[in-house]
Amino acid sequence: MTSGCGRLVGCVHAVRVHSRRRQRVQDLPVAGPVQLVWVKRRWFRDRARCPRGTFSQVTDQVPALARSTARLCQALLTAAVLSGRAASEVAHAQRVSCWLVASMLTAAADLLTDPDDVGVRRLGVDKHRDRSVRFFREPDGGWRRYEPWMTTLVDADTGRVLGVVDGRDSAGVGGGLPARSQAWRDAVELVAIDPSVAFRKALREHLPAAAVSVDAFHLAKLANDMVTAVRQRVTPGGQGSPRTARGPGLGQPAAAAARGKHAQLPGAGPAQGHPAQRRPHR
């Protein structure tokens, strides 16, 4: 905790208390919501050279003019940036205002450098649909269908978003890559994409020296889809309803399997009751 004004070198000590006030500070929840109240003291200046008459206490977690702790701000930033959650969702989960989350994102964005100044060795390209289909009226009175698709370019090593382009075709990706410098494009060694022919076409044109691979998510999805397709093909009745119970026989219903259970036991004699299954009389 610091009791200096922070504007004059050596002004780090104070003796006389000017006043005290209670300040509510937003903090991270601990087994539920936390109400943090700080009884903050305001001090008189004791040096004639100090440009301020009074000043308040500050800490590393609660800087001057702050109403939220630094750990809460960092948690909001991590949830919104690294986890990819919406700002409104993060604000609702942490019980803070959307304005606070937006201000943290704006402050973090101001510290980011130009993407052209950061070399990227592994590039990630993926499409995303942010909302449902929209229809817009043309000037001639007709309606035009609009697919709100966008393509995101990210640094696969750090997860940093490098750019967002409209559409999910080769024109969108092909329009975003030429905007980068030639040195930036030459530094890309590997590009991870989903199984998209449009992406492959744009990369072959603008990043011919980079290797192209399928990202881990879509690779696992393709493997799971293949296992499901093979299982449904080799299993009799696999395309039927999953609610249909099957017995031990291939495609044999459970009721029929139960009726023929005794006949399938080793050493069991023929069932009595049907004339064709009775032993002949001697």
Protein backbone atom coordinates (compact mmCIF):
# COMPACT_ATOMS: atom_id res chain seq x y z
CA MET A 1 0.00 0.00 0.00
CA THR A 2 1.28 3.46 -0.92
CA SER A 3 0.55 6.66 0.98
CA GLY A 4 2.32 9.06 -1.34
CA CYS A 5 0.94 11.37 -3.96
CA GLY A 6 3.06 9.74 -6.65
CA ARG A 7 3.83 13.04 -8.35
CA LEU A 8 6.95 14.12 -6.44
CA VAL A 9 10.08 12.01 -6.03
CA GLY A 10 10.53 11.09 -2.38
CA CYS A 11 6.95 11.93 -1.41
CA VAL A 12 6.04 8.47 -0.14
CA HIS A 13 5.24 9.12 3.52
CA ALA A 14 2.37 10.90 5.20
CA VAL A 15 1.65 11.64 8.85
CA ARG A 16 -1.59 13.62 9.11
CA VAL A 17 -4.88 12.05 8.13
CA HIS A 18 -7.24 14.34 6.27
CA SER A 19 -10.35 12.12 6.22
CA ARG A 20 -11.65 8.61 5.80
CA ARG A 21 -14.26 7.32 3.42
CA ARG A 22 -15.76 3.97 2.59
CA GLN A 23 -15.33 2.81 -0.99
CA ARG A 24 -16.98 -0.24 -2.52
CA VAL A 25 -14.60 -2.18 -4.73
CA GLN A 26 -15.65 -4.90 -7.16
CA ASP A 27 -13.65 -8.10 -6.75
CA LEU A 28 -13.64 -11.72 -7.86
CA PRO A 29 -16.26 -14.00 -6.28
CA VAL A 30 -15.10 -16.47 -3.64
CA ALA A 31 -17.69 -19.20 -3.03
CA GLY A 32 -20.29 -16.62 -4.05
CA PRO A 33 -20.48 -12.86 -4.54
CA VAL A 34 -18.02 -10.75 -2.56
CA GLN A 35 -18.73 -7.26 -1.23
CA LEU A 36 -15.40 -5.55 -0.66
CA VAL A 37 -15.50 -2.30 1.31
CA TRP A 38 -12.26 -0.37 1.74
CA VAL A 39 -12.02 2.30 4.42
CA LYS A 40 -9.66 4.52 2.49
CA ARG A 41 -7.71 7.26 4.21
CA ARG A 42 -6.93 10.61 2.65
CA TRP A 43 -3.73 12.32 3.75
CA PHE A 44 -2.44 15.88 4.00
CA ARG A 45 0.68 16.76 2.09
CA ASP A 46 3.66 17.35 4.39
CA ARG A 47 6.05 18.83 1.86
CA ALA A 48 5.84 22.34 0.60
CA ARG A 49 7.03 21.30 -2.83
CA CYS A 50 4.25 18.75 -3.28
CA PRO A 51 1.85 20.03 -5.96
CA ARG A 52 -1.15 18.34 -4.33
CA GLY A 53 -2.79 19.32 -1.08
CA THR A 54 -4.18 15.87 -0.26
CA PHE A 55 -4.00 12.39 -1.72
CA SER A 56 -5.58 8.98 -1.11
CA GLN A 57 -4.14 5.55 -0.52
CA VAL A 58 -3.56 3.29 -3.50
CA THR A 59 -2.45 -0.33 -3.93
CA ASP A 60 -1.29 -2.51 -6.77
CA GLN A 61 -4.71 -4.17 -6.90
CA VAL A 62 -6.68 -0.92 -6.61
CA PRO A 63 -4.86 1.89 -8.43
CA ALA A 64 -5.90 5.51 -8.28
CA LEU A 65 -9.46 6.22 -9.49
CA ALA A 66 -10.15 2.48 -9.81
CA ARG A 67 -13.37 0.86 -8.61
CA SER A 68 -12.41 -2.72 -9.51
CA THR A 69 -9.46 -4.83 -8.49
CA ALA A 70 -6.73 -5.64 -10.98
CA ARG A 71 -7.37 -9.38 -10.63
CA LEU A 72 -11.02 -8.91 -11.57
CA CYS A 73 -10.06 -6.89 -14.64
CA GLN A 74 -7.57 -9.55 -15.67
CA ALA A 75 -10.17 -12.29 -15.21
CA LEU A 76 -12.64 -10.38 -17.40
CA LEU A 77 -10.02 -9.90 -20.08
CA THR A 78 -8.99 -13.56 -20.01
CA ALA A 79 -12.59 -14.78 -20.23
CA ALA A 80 -13.45 -12.49 -23.13
CA VAL A 81 -10.25 -12.87 -25.16
CA LEU A 82 -8.77 -16.31 -24.51
CA SER A 83 -12.02 -18.19 -23.92
CA GLY A 84 -13.85 -16.49 -26.78
CA ARG A 85 -16.93 -15.61 -24.72
CA ALA A 86 -19.21 -12.68 -25.46
CA ALA A 87 -18.77 -9.53 -23.40
CA SER A 88 -22.38 -9.67 -22.20
CA GLU A 89 -21.95 -13.29 -21.07
CA VAL A 90 -18.77 -12.47 -19.15
CA ALA A 91 -20.44 -9.48 -17.51
CA HIS A 92 -23.43 -11.58 -16.44
CA ALA A 93 -21.22 -14.37 -15.06
CA GLN A 94 -19.06 -11.99 -13.01
CA ARG A 95 -22.00 -9.73 -12.08
CA VAL A 96 -20.43 -6.60 -13.49
CA SER A 97 -21.56 -4.12 -16.10
CA CYS A 98 -20.97 -4.61 -19.80
CA TRP A 99 -19.30 -1.20 -19.81
CA LEU A 100 -16.55 -2.52 -17.53
CA VAL A 101 -15.85 -5.50 -19.80
CA ALA A 102 -15.86 -3.26 -22.86
CA SER A 103 -13.46 -0.81 -21.22
CA MET A 104 -11.06 -3.65 -20.36
CA LEU A 105 -11.14 -4.88 -23.95
CA THR A 106 -10.57 -1.36 -25.28
CA ALA A 107 -7.61 -0.81 -22.97
CA ALA A 108 -6.09 -4.14 -24.00
CA ALA A 109 -6.64 -3.41 -27.69
CA ASP A 110 -4.80 -0.09 -27.38
CA LEU A 111 -1.70 -1.99 -26.23
CA LEU A 112 -1.68 -4.35 -29.20
CA THR A 113 0.88 -3.78 -31.89
CA ASP A 114 0.28 -3.76 -35.62
CA PRO A 115 -0.17 -7.35 -36.89
CA ASP A 116 2.29 -6.61 -39.69
CA ASP A 117 4.98 -5.95 -37.08
CA VAL A 118 4.54 -9.41 -35.50
CA GLY A 119 5.93 -12.36 -37.41
CA VAL A 120 3.59 -15.35 -37.70
CA ARG A 121 4.93 -18.84 -38.37
CA ARG A 122 1.69 -20.80 -37.95
CA LEU A 123 -1.52 -19.27 -39.24
CA GLY A 124 -5.06 -20.42 -38.45
CA VAL A 125 -8.02 -19.76 -40.76
CA ASP A 126 -11.60 -20.63 -39.82
CA LYS A 127 -15.06 -19.41 -40.70
CA HIS A 128 -17.70 -18.31 -38.21
CA ARG A 129 -21.37 -17.45 -38.42
CA ASP A 130 -22.22 -14.75 -35.94
CA ARG A 131 -26.00 -14.56 -36.43
CA SER A 132 -28.92 -15.99 -38.39
CA VAL A 133 -29.78 -15.24 -42.00
CA ARG A 134 -30.94 -11.72 -42.78
CA PHE A 135 -32.98 -10.37 -45.70
CA PHE A 136 -32.49 -6.85 -47.03
CA ARG A 137 -34.69 -4.96 -49.45
CA GLU A 138 -33.04 -3.80 -52.64
CA PRO A 139 -33.67 -0.32 -54.09
CA ASP A 140 -35.79 -1.91 -56.84
CA GLY A 141 -38.07 -3.49 -54.22
CA GLY A 142 -36.66 -7.01 -54.28
CA TRP A 143 -35.23 -8.92 -51.34
CA ARG A 144 -31.67 -10.15 -51.06
CA ARG A 145 -30.57 -12.98 -48.76
CA TYR A 146 -27.51 -12.18 -46.67
CA GLU A 147 -25.42 -14.90 -45.04
CA PRO A 148 -23.54 -13.31 -42.10
CA TRP A 149 -20.40 -15.44 -42.45
CA MET A 150 -16.97 -14.15 -41.58
CA THR A 151 -13.47 -15.64 -41.67
CA THR A 152 -11.00 -15.14 -38.84
CA LEU A 153 -7.22 -15.17 -39.19
CA VAL A 154 -5.40 -16.05 -35.96
CA ASP A 155 -1.87 -16.76 -34.81
CA ALA A 156 -1.93 -20.48 -34.06
CA ASP A 157 0.96 -20.18 -31.60
CA THR A 158 -0.48 -17.43 -29.39
CA GLY A 159 -4.19 -17.43 -30.28
CA ARG A 160 -4.13 -13.75 -31.15
CA VAL A 161 -6.70 -12.59 -33.70
CA LEU A 162 -4.91 -11.04 -36.66
CA GLY A 163 -7.89 -10.02 -38.75
CA VAL A 164 -11.51 -10.67 -39.68
CA VAL A 165 -12.75 -10.65 -43.27
CA ASP A 166 -16.27 -10.91 -44.66
CA GLY A 167 -17.50 -14.11 -46.23
CA ARG A 168 -16.26 -17.67 -46.22
CA ASP A 169 -15.14 -18.03 -49.82
CA SER A 170 -11.78 -17.64 -51.49
CA ALA A 171 -12.49 -13.99 -52.30
CA GLY A 172 -12.73 -13.07 -48.62
CA VAL A 173 -9.53 -14.83 -47.58
CA GLY A 174 -7.83 -13.74 -50.79
CA GLY A 175 -8.70 -10.16 -50.01
CA GLY A 176 -7.29 -10.28 -46.48
CA LEU A 177 -3.94 -11.92 -47.20
CA PRO A 178 -2.71 -9.44 -49.85
CA ALA A 179 -3.22 -6.65 -47.32
CA ARG A 180 -0.23 -8.04 -45.39
CA SER A 181 3.30 -7.25 -46.38
CA GLN A 182 5.29 -9.63 -48.52
CA ALA A 183 7.75 -10.26 -45.68
CA TRP A 184 4.85 -11.20 -43.39
CA ARG A 185 3.49 -13.69 -45.93
CA ASP A 186 6.90 -15.20 -46.58
CA ALA A 187 7.34 -15.90 -42.85
CA VAL A 188 4.24 -18.13 -42.68
CA GLU A 189 5.32 -21.79 -42.65
CA LEU A 190 2.08 -23.64 -41.82
CA VAL A 191 -1.62 -22.85 -42.20
CA ALA A 192 -4.32 -24.80 -40.33
CA ILE A 193 -7.77 -24.72 -41.94
CA ASP A 194 -11.01 -26.67 -41.99
CA PRO A 195 -11.64 -28.94 -45.00
CA SER A 196 -12.55 -26.04 -47.28
CA VAL A 197 -11.72 -25.96 -50.98
CA ALA A 198 -12.20 -22.18 -51.02
CA PHE A 199 -9.59 -21.66 -48.31
CA ARG A 200 -7.19 -24.03 -50.05
CA LYS A 201 -7.55 -22.11 -53.30
CA ALA A 202 -6.80 -18.74 -51.66
CA LEU A 203 -3.80 -20.12 -49.77
CA ARG A 204 -2.37 -21.76 -52.87
CA GLU A 205 -2.52 -18.40 -54.62
CA HIS A 206 -1.25 -16.07 -51.88
CA LEU A 207 0.84 -18.41 -49.66
CA PRO A 208 2.28 -20.93 -52.11
CA ALA A 209 5.29 -21.82 -49.93
CA ALA A 210 3.28 -22.54 -46.77
CA ALA A 211 2.20 -26.07 -45.85
CA VAL A 212 -1.56 -26.56 -45.37
CA SER A 213 -3.10 -28.94 -42.84
CA VAL A 214 -6.48 -29.59 -41.25
CA ASP A 215 -6.86 -28.27 -37.71
CA ALA A 216 -7.18 -30.66 -34.77
CA PHE A 217 -10.91 -30.08 -34.24
CA HIS A 218 -11.96 -30.90 -37.79
CA LEU A 219 -9.50 -33.79 -37.97
CA ALA A 220 -11.08 -35.41 -34.90
CA LYS A 221 -14.55 -34.68 -36.27
CA LEU A 222 -13.75 -36.37 -39.58
CA ALA A 223 -12.42 -39.43 -37.74
CA ASN A 224 -15.54 -39.66 -35.57
CA ASP A 225 -17.80 -39.28 -38.60
CA MET A 226 -15.96 -42.10 -40.37
CA VAL A 227 -16.27 -44.41 -37.35
CA THR A 228 -20.00 -43.66 -37.17
CA ALA A 229 -20.46 -44.31 -40.89
CA VAL A 230 -18.63 -47.66 -40.72
CA ARG A 231 -20.57 -48.74 -37.62
CA GLN A 232 -23.89 -47.95 -39.26
CA ARG A 233 -22.89 -49.81 -42.43
CA VAL A 234 -21.71 -53.05 -40.81
CA THR A 235 -24.37 -53.23 -38.09
CA PRO A 236 -27.70 -54.70 -39.29
CA GLY A 237 -30.44 -52.24 -38.62
CA GLY A 238 -27.93 -49.57 -37.72
CA GLN A 239 -29.85 -46.99 -39.71
CA GLY A 240 -33.03 -47.71 -37.75
CA SER A 241 -34.33 -46.03 -34.68
CA PRO A 242 -31.96 -46.21 -31.70
CA ARG A 243 -34.94 -47.06 -29.52
CA THR A 244 -35.36 -50.46 -31.19
CA ALA A 245 -33.98 -53.13 -28.87
CA ARG A 246 -31.96 -55.91 -30.47
CA GLY A 247 -31.41 -59.40 -29.14
CA PRO A 248 -28.35 -61.64 -29.27
CA GLY A 249 -29.13 -62.67 -32.82
CA LEU A 250 -28.18 -60.54 -35.82
CA GLY A 251 -31.09 -58.22 -36.27
CA GLN A 252 -33.30 -60.40 -34.05
CA PRO A 253 -35.80 -58.46 -31.93
CA ALA A 254 -35.58 -58.83 -28.18
CA ALA A 255 -39.01 -60.49 -27.88
CA ALA A 256 -38.14 -63.18 -30.45
CA ALA A 257 -34.80 -63.77 -28.78
CA ALA A 258 -36.54 -64.29 -25.42
CA ARG A 259 -38.96 -66.86 -26.88
CA GLY A 260 -36.15 -68.88 -28.39
CA LYS A 261 -33.83 -68.57 -25.40
CA HIS A 262 -34.43 -72.11 -24.08
CA ALA A 263 -34.02 -73.63 -27.50
CA GLN A 264 -30.57 -72.03 -27.83
CA LEU A 265 -29.18 -73.46 -24.58
CA PRO A 266 -26.65 -76.30 -25.00
CA GLY A 267 -28.18 -79.75 -24.39
CA ALA A 268 -31.70 -78.45 -24.26
CA GLY A 269 -34.29 -80.68 -25.82
CA PRO A 270 -36.87 -79.57 -28.31
CA ALA A 271 -39.63 -77.43 -26.96
CA GLN A 272 -42.88 -79.16 -26.11
CA GLY A 273 -46.11 -77.85 -27.47
CA HIS A 274 -45.76 -77.74 -31.25
CA PRO A 275 -46.78 -81.00 -33.01
CA ALA A 276 -43.78 -80.94 -35.30
CA GLN A 277 -41.40 -80.78 -32.33
CA ARG A 278 -42.84 -83.74 -30.34
CA ARG A 279 -41.04 -87.09 -30.26
CA PRO A 280 -42.84 -89.87 -32.14
CA HIS A 281 -44.51 -92.55 -30.00
CA ARG A 282 -42.94 -95.98 -30.10
